[in-house]
Amino acid sequence: MVGIILASHGNFAEGILQSASMIFGEQENVKAVTLAPSEGPDDVKAKMQEAISSFDNQDEVLFLVDLWGGTPFNQANSLFEAHKDTWAIIAGMNLPMVIEAYAARLSMDSAQKIAAQILPAAKDGVRAKPESLEPKKVEAASAVQQPKGNLPVGTVVGDGKIKLALVRLDSRLLHGQVATTWAKSAGTNRIIVVSDDVSRDELRKNLIVQAAPPGVKANVIPIKKMIEIAKDPRFGNTHALLLFENVQDVVRVIEGGVKIEELNVGSMAHSVGKVVVNKVLSMGPEDVKAFEALKAKGVKFDVRKVPNDSSEKMDALLKKAKEELAKA
């Protein structure tokens, strides 16, 4: 029997598992995997691996996740890469989807066939009263055709200057909060991960590109390429959200001529040699030095994990980092 993993931020997956059990009965080879506020990507991945190891048939696994581009999706996607021929992932989990999956696997032994089977039920489960609230269907032929192919070098688009809608430092790079909340609030049409390391890692690069939210394109480029793009007039209509994995790369980009007026500081993972300065930020000596270099260049800091948070004072965080590092 095909194994099913329900994965979500918070307890949503456990709740929908309970609801589906009330309607369809208790199920074997189904596990709920949740991401708690205190947990990270590695915790979710470990839970998924543990769940899969408990299934009778580990060759056929179907992931139903809450949000495309979120941490549960990204970790499921990283496991999926080694099982592309048999496993499947569907985002936007809802109760009709789960119930349909339960029913489909009674007669189907393929995760991918079940995925194809349950998509219509999942979409049809989203309805409104009165019916007039539902959007009118638009003929595909009426869609605006976008020009294909690369523009010739030197072509000026718009005013010829790329717009940096948001520049964010986040060691997790593209995840649920960025793909949905930050991308929408910034009004971006392209997410650019700027990192020499990630650009050389084909697996990480592909996962980031696939995690882009609908209507937004994601790219992973090295620092040198970002410096070139900032001077390329073909990107005049691009409203970009830049993502950096570490603050040192931000310094390098600015020193290369890219004008960054404000840096949104989201998260910095803890590692050996770093000290914790708040719930999501850890700094080492090199980080402090880099932030001070940015401050000297006139860069402003917006320290927030999500848009609704109140911005913290970077000076206070740097002071705390120095004090803790001196003790260490």
Protein backbone atom coordinates (compact mmCIF):
# COMPACT_ATOMS: atom_id res chain seq x y z
CA MET A 1 0.00 0.00 0.00
CA VAL A 2 1.23 3.49 -0.88
CA GLY A 3 2.56 5.35 2.17
CA ILE A 4 1.25 8.87 2.78
CA ILE A 5 2.95 11.67 4.71
CA LEU A 6 0.90 14.70 5.72
CA ALA A 7 3.31 17.57 6.46
CA SER A 8 2.71 21.09 7.70
CA HIS A 9 3.82 24.10 9.68
CA GLY A 10 2.42 23.70 13.19
CA ASN A 11 -0.19 21.08 14.08
CA PHE A 12 -2.26 21.40 10.90
CA ALA A 13 -1.13 17.98 9.60
CA GLU A 14 -2.09 16.26 12.86
CA GLY A 15 -5.48 17.98 12.84
CA ILE A 16 -6.28 17.02 9.26
CA LEU A 17 -5.14 13.44 9.99
CA GLN A 18 -7.63 13.28 12.85
CA SER A 19 -10.40 14.82 10.73
CA ALA A 20 -9.80 12.39 7.87
CA SER A 21 -9.85 9.47 10.33
CA MET A 22 -13.26 10.59 11.61
CA ILE A 23 -14.61 10.52 8.05
CA PHE A 24 -12.74 7.62 6.44
CA GLY A 25 -11.58 5.61 9.43
CA GLU A 26 -8.14 4.90 10.87
CA GLN A 27 -5.45 4.32 8.24
CA GLU A 28 -2.24 2.32 8.10
CA ASN A 29 0.92 3.69 6.50
CA VAL A 30 -0.08 7.32 7.06
CA LYS A 31 1.99 9.67 9.20
CA ALA A 32 1.64 13.33 10.16
CA VAL A 33 4.87 15.36 10.22
CA THR A 34 4.82 18.81 11.81
CA LEU A 35 7.25 21.73 12.02
CA ALA A 36 7.20 23.28 15.49
CA PRO A 37 8.23 26.95 16.00
CA SER A 38 11.40 25.81 17.76
CA GLU A 39 12.41 23.37 15.01
CA GLY A 40 14.28 23.73 11.74
CA PRO A 41 14.54 22.02 8.33
CA ASP A 42 16.76 19.18 9.58
CA ASP A 43 14.18 18.27 12.25
CA VAL A 44 11.42 17.98 9.65
CA LYS A 45 13.59 15.93 7.33
CA ALA A 46 14.48 13.52 10.15
CA LYS A 47 10.79 13.09 11.02
CA MET A 48 9.98 12.36 7.39
CA GLN A 49 12.74 9.79 7.13
CA GLU A 50 11.52 8.11 10.32
CA ALA A 51 7.96 8.03 9.00
CA ILE A 52 9.04 6.53 5.68
CA SER A 53 11.05 3.82 7.45
CA SER A 54 7.84 2.71 9.20
CA PHE A 55 5.95 2.14 5.93
CA ASP A 56 5.41 -1.36 4.52
CA ASN A 57 6.26 -0.11 1.03
CA GLN A 58 8.98 2.53 0.94
CA ASP A 59 9.16 2.51 -2.86
CA GLU A 60 5.81 4.30 -3.19
CA VAL A 61 5.41 7.42 -1.04
CA LEU A 62 3.02 10.34 -1.46
CA PHE A 63 3.68 13.64 0.34
CA LEU A 64 0.73 15.95 0.95
CA VAL A 65 2.13 19.25 2.25
CA ASP A 66 0.52 22.49 3.32
CA LEU A 67 2.47 25.10 1.37
CA TRP A 68 4.49 25.08 -1.85
CA GLY A 69 7.96 26.45 -1.09
CA GLY A 70 7.61 26.07 2.69
CA THR A 71 10.05 24.13 4.86
CA PRO A 72 7.98 20.88 4.85
CA PHE A 73 7.77 21.06 1.05
CA ASN A 74 11.48 21.81 0.67
CA GLN A 75 12.50 18.87 2.85
CA ALA A 76 10.08 16.50 1.11
CA ASN A 77 11.48 17.74 -2.19
CA SER A 78 15.05 17.01 -1.10
CA LEU A 79 14.06 13.40 -0.33
CA PHE A 80 12.00 13.15 -3.53
CA GLU A 81 15.04 13.84 -5.72
CA ALA A 82 16.30 10.27 -5.25
CA HIS A 83 12.88 8.72 -6.00
CA LYS A 84 11.56 10.80 -8.90
CA ASP A 85 10.22 7.76 -10.76
CA THR A 86 7.87 6.58 -8.02
CA TRP A 87 7.27 9.22 -5.32
CA ALA A 88 5.05 12.30 -5.62
CA ILE A 89 4.41 15.59 -3.80
CA ILE A 90 1.27 17.71 -3.78
CA ALA A 91 1.06 21.08 -2.02
CA GLY A 92 -2.04 22.88 -0.81
CA MET A 93 -3.22 20.02 1.38
CA ASN A 94 -6.90 20.06 2.28
CA LEU A 95 -9.37 17.53 3.68
CA PRO A 96 -10.97 16.56 0.32
CA MET A 97 -7.47 15.84 -1.00
CA VAL A 98 -6.60 13.55 1.92
CA ILE A 99 -9.90 11.65 1.79
CA GLU A 100 -9.56 11.16 -1.97
CA ALA A 101 -6.01 9.86 -1.44
CA TYR A 102 -7.28 7.33 1.09
CA ALA A 103 -9.91 6.12 -1.36
CA ALA A 104 -7.59 6.05 -4.36
CA ARG A 105 -4.96 3.88 -2.76
CA LEU A 106 -7.52 1.13 -2.22
CA SER A 107 -7.35 0.46 -5.96
CA MET A 108 -4.03 2.09 -6.94
CA ASP A 109 -0.53 1.04 -5.96
CA SER A 110 1.34 4.00 -7.51
CA ALA A 111 1.96 7.25 -5.62
CA GLN A 112 2.12 9.22 -8.84
CA LYS A 113 -1.15 7.78 -10.17
CA ILE A 114 -2.84 8.61 -6.87
CA ALA A 115 -1.44 12.16 -7.06
CA ALA A 116 -2.94 12.62 -10.52
CA GLN A 117 -6.23 11.15 -9.33
CA ILE A 118 -6.68 13.39 -6.28
CA LEU A 119 -5.82 16.79 -7.79
CA PRO A 120 -9.30 17.42 -9.25
CA ALA A 121 -10.97 16.54 -5.93
CA ALA A 122 -8.60 18.84 -4.05
CA LYS A 123 -9.36 21.76 -6.36
CA ASP A 124 -13.10 21.09 -6.50
CA GLY A 125 -13.15 21.10 -2.70
CA VAL A 126 -12.52 24.85 -2.73
CA ARG A 127 -15.93 26.41 -3.34
CA ALA A 128 -17.90 29.45 -2.23
CA LYS A 129 -21.45 30.48 -1.37
CA PRO A 130 -22.86 32.44 -3.12
CA GLU A 131 -21.42 31.04 -6.35
CA SER A 132 -21.01 34.58 -7.69
CA LEU A 133 -17.94 34.92 -5.45
CA GLU A 134 -16.04 32.37 -7.49
CA PRO A 135 -13.75 33.77 -10.22
CA LYS A 136 -14.90 33.53 -13.81
CA LYS A 137 -12.95 31.18 -16.02
CA VAL A 138 -10.63 32.88 -18.49
CA GLU A 139 -9.89 31.31 -21.84
CA ALA A 140 -6.25 30.28 -22.12
CA ALA A 141 -6.02 31.89 -25.55
CA SER A 142 -6.57 35.31 -24.02
CA ALA A 143 -3.40 35.13 -21.97
CA VAL A 144 -0.77 37.71 -22.84
CA GLN A 145 2.05 36.12 -24.78
CA GLN A 146 5.45 36.84 -23.33
CA PRO A 147 8.39 37.29 -25.69
CA LYS A 148 10.67 34.29 -25.86
CA GLY A 149 14.44 34.17 -26.05
CA ASN A 150 17.19 36.31 -24.54
CA LEU A 151 17.29 40.03 -25.25
CA PRO A 152 20.40 41.24 -27.11
CA VAL A 153 23.16 42.71 -24.95
CA GLY A 154 22.71 46.45 -24.57
CA THR A 155 18.91 46.38 -24.87
CA VAL A 156 17.37 48.89 -22.47
CA VAL A 157 14.21 47.71 -20.71
CA GLY A 158 12.22 50.28 -18.77
CA ASP A 159 14.62 52.71 -17.17
CA GLY A 160 17.45 50.20 -17.47
CA LYS A 161 17.92 49.78 -13.71
CA ILE A 162 17.05 46.71 -11.67
CA LYS A 163 14.78 47.45 -8.70
CA LEU A 164 15.79 45.86 -5.39
CA ALA A 165 12.38 45.41 -3.77
CA LEU A 166 13.96 43.68 -0.78
CA VAL A 167 17.44 42.53 0.20
CA ARG A 168 17.25 39.83 2.87
CA LEU A 169 19.84 37.96 4.90
CA ASP A 170 18.45 34.52 5.72
CA SER A 171 20.56 31.40 6.24
CA ARG A 172 17.53 29.31 5.24
CA LEU A 173 17.32 31.21 1.92
CA LEU A 174 14.03 30.47 0.10
CA HIS A 175 11.46 28.96 2.47
CA GLY A 176 7.77 29.44 3.27
CA GLN A 177 7.98 32.83 4.96
CA VAL A 178 10.04 34.24 2.09
CA ALA A 179 8.09 32.55 -0.72
CA THR A 180 4.76 33.85 0.53
CA THR A 181 4.85 36.66 3.09
CA TRP A 182 8.01 38.53 2.11
CA ALA A 183 7.66 38.07 -1.65
CA LYS A 184 4.10 39.40 -1.56
CA SER A 185 4.82 42.32 0.78
CA ALA A 186 7.80 43.37 -1.35
CA GLY A 187 5.88 43.15 -4.62
CA THR A 188 8.69 41.22 -6.29
CA ASN A 189 8.55 39.40 -9.62
CA ARG A 190 11.90 37.63 -9.25
CA ILE A 191 13.74 36.03 -6.34
CA ILE A 192 17.53 35.95 -6.72
CA VAL A 193 19.67 33.88 -4.38
CA VAL A 194 23.18 35.36 -4.45
CA SER A 195 25.78 32.82 -3.36
CA ASP A 196 28.93 31.34 -4.86
CA ASP A 197 28.50 28.17 -2.78
CA VAL A 198 24.85 27.53 -3.61
CA SER A 199 25.34 28.32 -7.30
CA ARG A 200 27.83 25.42 -7.45
CA ASP A 201 25.45 23.02 -5.69
CA GLU A 202 23.09 21.70 -8.37
CA LEU A 203 20.75 19.98 -5.90
CA ARG A 204 20.27 23.04 -3.68
CA LYS A 205 19.95 25.26 -6.72
CA ASN A 206 17.23 23.10 -8.28
CA LEU A 207 15.30 22.89 -5.01
CA ILE A 208 15.32 26.68 -4.69
CA VAL A 209 14.13 27.20 -8.26
CA GLN A 210 11.29 24.71 -7.72
CA ALA A 211 10.25 26.40 -4.46
CA ALA A 212 9.43 29.72 -6.11
CA PRO A 213 5.85 30.91 -5.46
CA PRO A 214 3.37 31.12 -8.38
CA GLY A 215 4.04 34.06 -10.68
CA VAL A 216 7.58 34.62 -9.38
CA LYS A 217 10.74 33.27 -10.97
CA ALA A 218 13.68 32.16 -8.83
CA ASN A 219 17.35 32.15 -9.82
CA VAL A 220 20.59 31.20 -8.06
CA ILE A 221 23.63 33.15 -9.19
CA PRO A 222 27.22 33.76 -8.03
CA ILE A 223 28.29 37.12 -6.63
CA LYS A 224 30.11 38.12 -9.82
CA LYS A 225 26.93 37.60 -11.85
CA MET A 226 24.91 39.77 -9.45
CA ILE A 227 27.39 42.59 -9.90
CA GLU A 228 27.01 42.26 -13.68
CA ILE A 229 23.20 42.19 -13.52
CA ALA A 230 23.13 45.39 -11.46
CA LYS A 231 24.73 47.15 -14.42
CA ASP A 232 22.70 45.37 -17.15
CA PRO A 233 19.93 47.58 -18.67
CA ARG A 234 17.95 44.48 -19.72
CA PHE A 235 16.74 44.10 -16.11
CA GLY A 236 14.95 47.45 -15.98
CA ASN A 237 11.55 45.87 -15.34
CA THR A 238 12.80 43.45 -12.69
CA HIS A 239 11.66 43.96 -9.11
CA ALA A 240 14.00 41.61 -7.30
CA LEU A 241 14.11 40.10 -3.85
CA LEU A 242 17.77 39.32 -3.16
CA LEU A 243 18.54 36.51 -0.72
CA PHE A 244 21.92 36.12 0.97
CA GLU A 245 23.04 33.16 3.08
CA ASN A 246 25.63 35.18 5.02
CA VAL A 247 26.46 38.82 5.68
CA GLN A 248 29.96 38.55 4.21
CA ASP A 249 28.46 38.02 0.76
CA VAL A 250 26.41 41.21 1.16
CA VAL A 251 29.63 43.14 1.81
CA ARG A 252 31.24 41.64 -1.29
CA VAL A 253 28.30 42.58 -3.50
CA ILE A 254 28.28 46.18 -2.27
CA GLU A 255 32.04 46.44 -2.73
CA GLY A 256 31.46 45.24 -6.30
CA GLY A 257 29.28 48.26 -6.99
CA VAL A 258 25.74 47.07 -6.22
CA LYS A 259 23.85 49.78 -4.36
CA ILE A 260 22.04 48.37 -1.32
CA GLU A 261 20.49 50.94 0.99
CA GLU A 262 18.79 48.60 3.48
CA LEU A 263 19.33 45.01 4.57
CA ASN A 264 16.48 42.97 6.03
CA VAL A 265 18.09 40.64 8.59
CA GLY A 266 15.91 37.55 8.99
CA SER A 267 17.85 34.58 10.35
CA MET A 268 21.45 33.50 10.92
CA ALA A 269 21.98 29.88 11.87
CA HIS A 270 24.04 28.94 14.90
CA SER A 271 27.35 27.11 14.45
CA VAL A 272 30.63 26.59 16.29
CA GLY A 273 32.25 29.90 17.22
CA LYS A 274 29.00 31.89 17.14
CA VAL A 275 26.88 33.25 19.98
CA VAL A 276 23.09 33.57 20.15
CA VAL A 277 21.87 37.19 20.14
CA ASN A 278 18.14 36.54 19.77
CA LYS A 279 15.79 33.68 18.86
CA VAL A 280 16.83 33.53 15.21
CA LEU A 281 20.20 35.27 15.00
CA SER A 282 23.65 33.95 15.91
CA MET A 283 26.86 35.85 15.20
CA GLY A 284 30.56 35.18 15.15
CA PRO A 285 33.47 37.66 15.06
CA GLU A 286 33.44 37.79 11.26
CA ASP A 287 29.71 38.51 11.22
CA VAL A 288 30.12 41.43 13.64
CA LYS A 289 32.96 42.80 11.53
CA ALA A 290 30.86 42.52 8.35
CA PHE A 291 27.84 44.26 9.90
CA GLU A 292 30.05 47.10 11.10
CA ALA A 293 31.49 47.41 7.60
CA LEU A 294 27.98 47.69 6.18
CA LYS A 295 27.06 50.28 8.79
CA ALA A 296 30.13 52.31 7.83
CA LYS A 297 28.93 52.24 4.21
CA GLY A 298 25.59 53.74 5.28
CA VAL A 299 23.52 50.57 5.02
CA LYS A 300 20.42 50.56 7.24
CA PHE A 301 19.19 47.41 8.99
CA ASP A 302 15.66 46.06 9.29
CA VAL A 303 15.89 43.17 11.77
CA ARG A 304 12.67 41.18 11.37
CA LYS A 305 11.86 37.50 10.86
CA VAL A 306 8.43 38.24 9.36
CA PRO A 307 6.82 41.51 8.20
CA ASN A 308 4.50 41.73 11.22
CA ASP A 309 7.41 41.67 13.69
CA SER A 310 8.74 44.87 15.23
CA SER A 311 12.20 45.73 13.95
CA GLU A 312 15.00 45.24 16.48
CA LYS A 313 17.96 47.59 16.90
CA MET A 314 21.08 46.25 15.19
CA ASP A 315 23.38 48.30 17.44
CA ALA A 316 22.00 46.52 20.52
CA LEU A 317 22.41 43.12 18.88
CA LEU A 318 26.00 43.85 17.86
CA LYS A 319 26.78 45.03 21.39
CA LYS A 320 25.36 41.80 22.82
CA ALA A 321 27.30 39.74 20.29
CA LYS A 322 30.57 41.43 21.25
CA GLU A 323 29.91 40.91 24.96
CA GLU A 324 29.06 37.23 24.53
CA LEU A 325 32.01 36.61 22.23
CA ALA A 326 34.35 38.25 24.76
CA LYS A 327 33.07 35.87 27.45
CA ALA A 328 33.54 32.88 25.17
